[in-house]
Amino acid sequence: MSNLVPQIPIDGSQIRKKWFENEWHYSIIDIIGVLIDADKKFAQNYYHVLKGRFKKEGNETLTVCKRLKLIAEDGKRRLTDGVTSEEVLHLIQSIPSPKTEPLKLWLAEVGAQPLEETEDPELGLFRS
């Protein structure tokens, strides 16, 4: 019998992201929602509590987020806290989840896209 945790694939479709200041920024609410497997409302509450705890500890991971306009469920662009890949990696250390490793793999895959575009600039034409 194997003690390996089954891999939970993450395709990123549930995580909003935006190319901003030469790097990807991800919706922190979406990241939390994926990690804890919760709906948006619960993820927002979790984020609020986590952010308060981080402030008390002096941890600036969640307190220096960029506010980005991302498309919301209603189709409108709304301000959302966004974090870089590095900040996501710091965040996921604070949230126990079996989806941590698949999320890291997905982040690595997304992060490799700009490197591939450097070699083939036509790939960047299709980035949204």
C-alpha atoms as a PDB file:
ATOM      1  CA  MET A   1       0.000   0.000   0.000  1.00  0.00           C
ATOM      2  CA  SER A   2       1.357   3.419  -0.957  1.00  0.00           C
ATOM      3  CA  ASN A   3       1.447   6.401   1.394  1.00  0.00           C
ATOM      4  CA  LEU A   4       1.567   8.874  -1.473  1.00  0.00           C
ATOM      5  CA  VAL A   5      -1.058  11.614  -1.544  1.00  0.00           C
ATOM      6  CA  PRO A   6      -3.070  11.358  -4.759  1.00  0.00           C
ATOM      7  CA  GLN A   7      -2.334  14.167  -7.187  1.00  0.00           C
ATOM      8  CA  ILE A   8      -5.236  16.555  -7.585  1.00  0.00           C
ATOM      9  CA  PRO A   9      -4.870  18.203 -10.972  1.00  0.00           C
ATOM     10  CA  ILE A  10      -5.184  21.957 -11.083  1.00  0.00           C
ATOM     11  CA  ASP A  11      -5.769  23.394 -14.523  1.00  0.00           C
ATOM     12  CA  GLY A  12      -5.964  26.989 -13.320  1.00  0.00           C
ATOM     13  CA  SER A  13      -9.398  27.620 -14.771  1.00  0.00           C
ATOM     14  CA  GLN A  14     -10.698  28.529 -11.334  1.00  0.00           C
ATOM     15  CA  ILE A  15      -7.840  30.973 -10.635  1.00  0.00           C
ATOM     16  CA  ARG A  16      -8.022  34.446 -12.136  1.00  0.00           C
ATOM     17  CA  LYS A  17      -4.679  35.917 -13.135  1.00  0.00           C
ATOM     18  CA  LYS A  18      -3.339  39.018 -14.831  1.00  0.00           C
ATOM     19  CA  TRP A  19      -0.006  39.861 -16.426  1.00  0.00           C
ATOM     20  CA  PHE A  20       1.061  43.042 -14.613  1.00  0.00           C
ATOM     21  CA  GLU A  21       4.472  44.699 -14.193  1.00  0.00           C
ATOM     22  CA  ASN A  22       6.237  41.862 -16.058  1.00  0.00           C
ATOM     23  CA  GLU A  23       4.918  39.014 -13.901  1.00  0.00           C
ATOM     24  CA  TRP A  24       1.747  37.083 -13.238  1.00  0.00           C
ATOM     25  CA  HIS A  25      -0.501  38.194 -10.392  1.00  0.00           C
ATOM     26  CA  TYR A  26      -3.163  35.800  -9.082  1.00  0.00           C
ATOM     27  CA  SER A  27      -6.392  36.434  -7.221  1.00  0.00           C
ATOM     28  CA  ILE A  28      -5.681  35.547  -3.620  1.00  0.00           C
ATOM     29  CA  ILE A  29      -9.337  34.635  -3.032  1.00  0.00           C
ATOM     30  CA  ASP A  30      -9.204  32.155  -5.917  1.00  0.00           C
ATOM     31  CA  ILE A  31      -5.952  30.624  -4.629  1.00  0.00           C
ATOM     32  CA  ILE A  32      -7.448  30.173  -1.151  1.00  0.00           C
ATOM     33  CA  GLY A  33     -10.658  28.767  -2.634  1.00  0.00           C
ATOM     34  CA  VAL A  34      -8.687  26.120  -4.524  1.00  0.00           C
ATOM     35  CA  LEU A  35      -6.540  25.212  -1.529  1.00  0.00           C
ATOM     36  CA  ILE A  36      -9.415  24.803   0.919  1.00  0.00           C
ATOM     37  CA  ASP A  37     -11.871  23.588  -1.719  1.00  0.00           C
ATOM     38  CA  ALA A  38     -14.463  26.211  -0.826  1.00  0.00           C
ATOM     39  CA  ASP A  39     -16.830  28.604  -2.541  1.00  0.00           C
ATOM     40  CA  LYS A  40     -15.928  32.256  -3.013  1.00  0.00           C
ATOM     41  CA  LYS A  41     -17.819  33.516   0.049  1.00  0.00           C
ATOM     42  CA  PHE A  42     -16.095  31.075   2.418  1.00  0.00           C
ATOM     43  CA  ALA A  43     -12.720  31.790   0.781  1.00  0.00           C
ATOM     44  CA  GLN A  44     -13.250  35.532   1.338  1.00  0.00           C
ATOM     45  CA  ASN A  45     -14.007  34.947   5.029  1.00  0.00           C
ATOM     46  CA  TYR A  46     -10.963  32.672   5.356  1.00  0.00           C
ATOM     47  CA  TYR A  47      -8.813  35.344   3.707  1.00  0.00           C
ATOM     48  CA  HIS A  48     -10.139  38.041   6.042  1.00  0.00           C
ATOM     49  CA  VAL A  49      -9.285  35.970   9.139  1.00  0.00           C
ATOM     50  CA  LEU A  50      -5.888  34.916   7.747  1.00  0.00           C
ATOM     51  CA  LYS A  51      -5.007  38.492   6.815  1.00  0.00           C
ATOM     52  CA  GLY A  52      -5.864  39.673  10.342  1.00  0.00           C
ATOM     53  CA  ARG A  53      -3.715  36.940  11.860  1.00  0.00           C
ATOM     54  CA  PHE A  54      -0.804  37.815   9.559  1.00  0.00           C
ATOM     55  CA  LYS A  55      -1.051  41.505  10.513  1.00  0.00           C
ATOM     56  CA  LYS A  56      -0.849  40.609  14.215  1.00  0.00           C
ATOM     57  CA  GLU A  57       2.240  38.467  13.526  1.00  0.00           C
ATOM     58  CA  GLY A  58       3.886  41.213  11.457  1.00  0.00           C
ATOM     59  CA  ASN A  59       3.844  39.041   8.326  1.00  0.00           C
ATOM     60  CA  GLU A  60       3.429  41.248   5.238  1.00  0.00           C
ATOM     61  CA  THR A  61       2.622  38.461   2.758  1.00  0.00           C
ATOM     62  CA  LEU A  62      -1.041  39.419   2.580  1.00  0.00           C
ATOM     63  CA  THR A  63      -0.839  43.034   3.643  1.00  0.00           C
ATOM     64  CA  VAL A  64       1.063  44.348   0.606  1.00  0.00           C
ATOM     65  CA  CYS A  65      -1.146  42.907  -2.134  1.00  0.00           C
ATOM     66  CA  LYS A  66      -1.672  44.699  -5.417  1.00  0.00           C
ATOM     67  CA  ARG A  67      -5.272  45.707  -6.078  1.00  0.00           C
ATOM     68  CA  LEU A  68      -6.045  44.595  -9.632  1.00  0.00           C
ATOM     69  CA  LYS A  69      -9.191  44.768 -11.710  1.00  0.00           C
ATOM     70  CA  LEU A  70     -10.121  41.195 -12.598  1.00  0.00           C
ATOM     71  CA  ILE A  71     -13.292  39.887 -14.155  1.00  0.00           C
ATOM     72  CA  ALA A  72     -15.771  38.848 -11.461  1.00  0.00           C
ATOM     73  CA  GLU A  73     -18.549  36.247 -11.656  1.00  0.00           C
ATOM     74  CA  ASP A  74     -20.960  38.910 -12.915  1.00  0.00           C
ATOM     75  CA  GLY A  75     -18.654  39.687 -15.859  1.00  0.00           C
ATOM     76  CA  LYS A  76     -17.599  43.102 -14.563  1.00  0.00           C
ATOM     77  CA  ARG A  77     -14.068  44.099 -13.683  1.00  0.00           C
ATOM     78  CA  ARG A  78     -13.730  44.466  -9.924  1.00  0.00           C
ATOM     79  CA  LEU A  79     -10.782  45.289  -7.687  1.00  0.00           C
ATOM     80  CA  THR A  80      -9.284  42.141  -6.221  1.00  0.00           C
ATOM     81  CA  ASP A  81      -6.204  41.507  -4.105  1.00  0.00           C
ATOM     82  CA  GLY A  82      -3.536  39.965  -6.298  1.00  0.00           C
ATOM     83  CA  VAL A  83      -0.286  38.267  -5.377  1.00  0.00           C
ATOM     84  CA  THR A  84       2.782  37.179  -7.327  1.00  0.00           C
ATOM     85  CA  SER A  85       3.985  33.585  -7.623  1.00  0.00           C
ATOM     86  CA  GLU A  86       6.501  34.146  -4.847  1.00  0.00           C
ATOM     87  CA  GLU A  87       3.784  35.493  -2.545  1.00  0.00           C
ATOM     88  CA  VAL A  88       1.535  32.538  -3.408  1.00  0.00           C
ATOM     89  CA  LEU A  89       4.309  30.171  -2.336  1.00  0.00           C
ATOM     90  CA  HIS A  90       4.561  31.988   1.007  1.00  0.00           C
ATOM     91  CA  LEU A  91       0.778  31.879   1.393  1.00  0.00           C
ATOM     92  CA  ILE A  92       0.378  28.167   0.739  1.00  0.00           C
ATOM     93  CA  GLN A  93       2.828  27.394   3.524  1.00  0.00           C
ATOM     94  CA  SER A  94       0.189  28.784   5.904  1.00  0.00           C
ATOM     95  CA  ILE A  95      -2.747  26.760   4.564  1.00  0.00           C
ATOM     96  CA  PRO A  96      -2.599  22.990   5.035  1.00  0.00           C
ATOM     97  CA  SER A  97      -4.026  21.366   1.922  1.00  0.00           C
ATOM     98  CA  PRO A  98      -3.550  18.260  -0.218  1.00  0.00           C
ATOM     99  CA  LYS A  99      -3.675  20.628  -3.211  1.00  0.00           C
ATOM    100  CA  THR A 100      -0.430  22.391  -2.285  1.00  0.00           C
ATOM    101  CA  GLU A 101       1.858  20.342  -4.554  1.00  0.00           C
ATOM    102  CA  PRO A 102      -0.472  20.407  -7.597  1.00  0.00           C
ATOM    103  CA  LEU A 103      -0.782  24.181  -7.152  1.00  0.00           C
ATOM    104  CA  LYS A 104       3.016  24.534  -7.080  1.00  0.00           C
ATOM    105  CA  LEU A 105       3.266  22.512 -10.301  1.00  0.00           C
ATOM    106  CA  TRP A 106       0.614  24.694 -11.967  1.00  0.00           C
ATOM    107  CA  LEU A 107       2.441  27.868 -10.864  1.00  0.00           C
ATOM    108  CA  ALA A 108       5.671  26.515 -12.354  1.00  0.00           C
ATOM    109  CA  GLU A 109       3.888  25.773 -15.622  1.00  0.00           C
ATOM    110  CA  VAL A 110       2.375  29.261 -15.810  1.00  0.00           C
ATOM    111  CA  GLY A 111       5.713  30.828 -14.867  1.00  0.00           C
ATOM    112  CA  ALA A 112       7.441  29.011 -17.720  1.00  0.00           C
ATOM    113  CA  GLN A 113       5.186  30.626 -20.332  1.00  0.00           C
ATOM    114  CA  PRO A 114       7.001  33.992 -20.438  1.00  0.00           C
ATOM    115  CA  LEU A 115      10.329  32.170 -20.786  1.00  0.00           C
ATOM    116  CA  GLU A 116       8.993  30.242 -23.784  1.00  0.00           C
ATOM    117  CA  GLU A 117       7.717  33.511 -25.271  1.00  0.00           C
ATOM    118  CA  THR A 118      11.220  34.966 -25.084  1.00  0.00           C
ATOM    119  CA  GLU A 119      12.353  32.196 -27.403  1.00  0.00           C
ATOM    120  CA  ASP A 120       9.235  32.436 -29.623  1.00  0.00           C
ATOM    121  CA  PRO A 121       7.620  35.922 -29.415  1.00  0.00           C
ATOM    122  CA  GLU A 122       4.550  34.786 -31.386  1.00  0.00           C
ATOM    123  CA  LEU A 123       3.422  32.819 -28.318  1.00  0.00           C
ATOM    124  CA  GLY A 124       2.928  36.087 -26.421  1.00  0.00           C
ATOM    125  CA  LEU A 125       0.388  37.321 -28.958  1.00  0.00           C
ATOM    126  CA  PHE A 126      -2.204  34.905 -27.614  1.00  0.00           C
ATOM    127  CA  ARG A 127      -1.782  35.725 -23.912  1.00  0.00           C
ATOM    128  CA  SER A 128      -4.900  37.385 -22.522  1.00  0.00           C
END
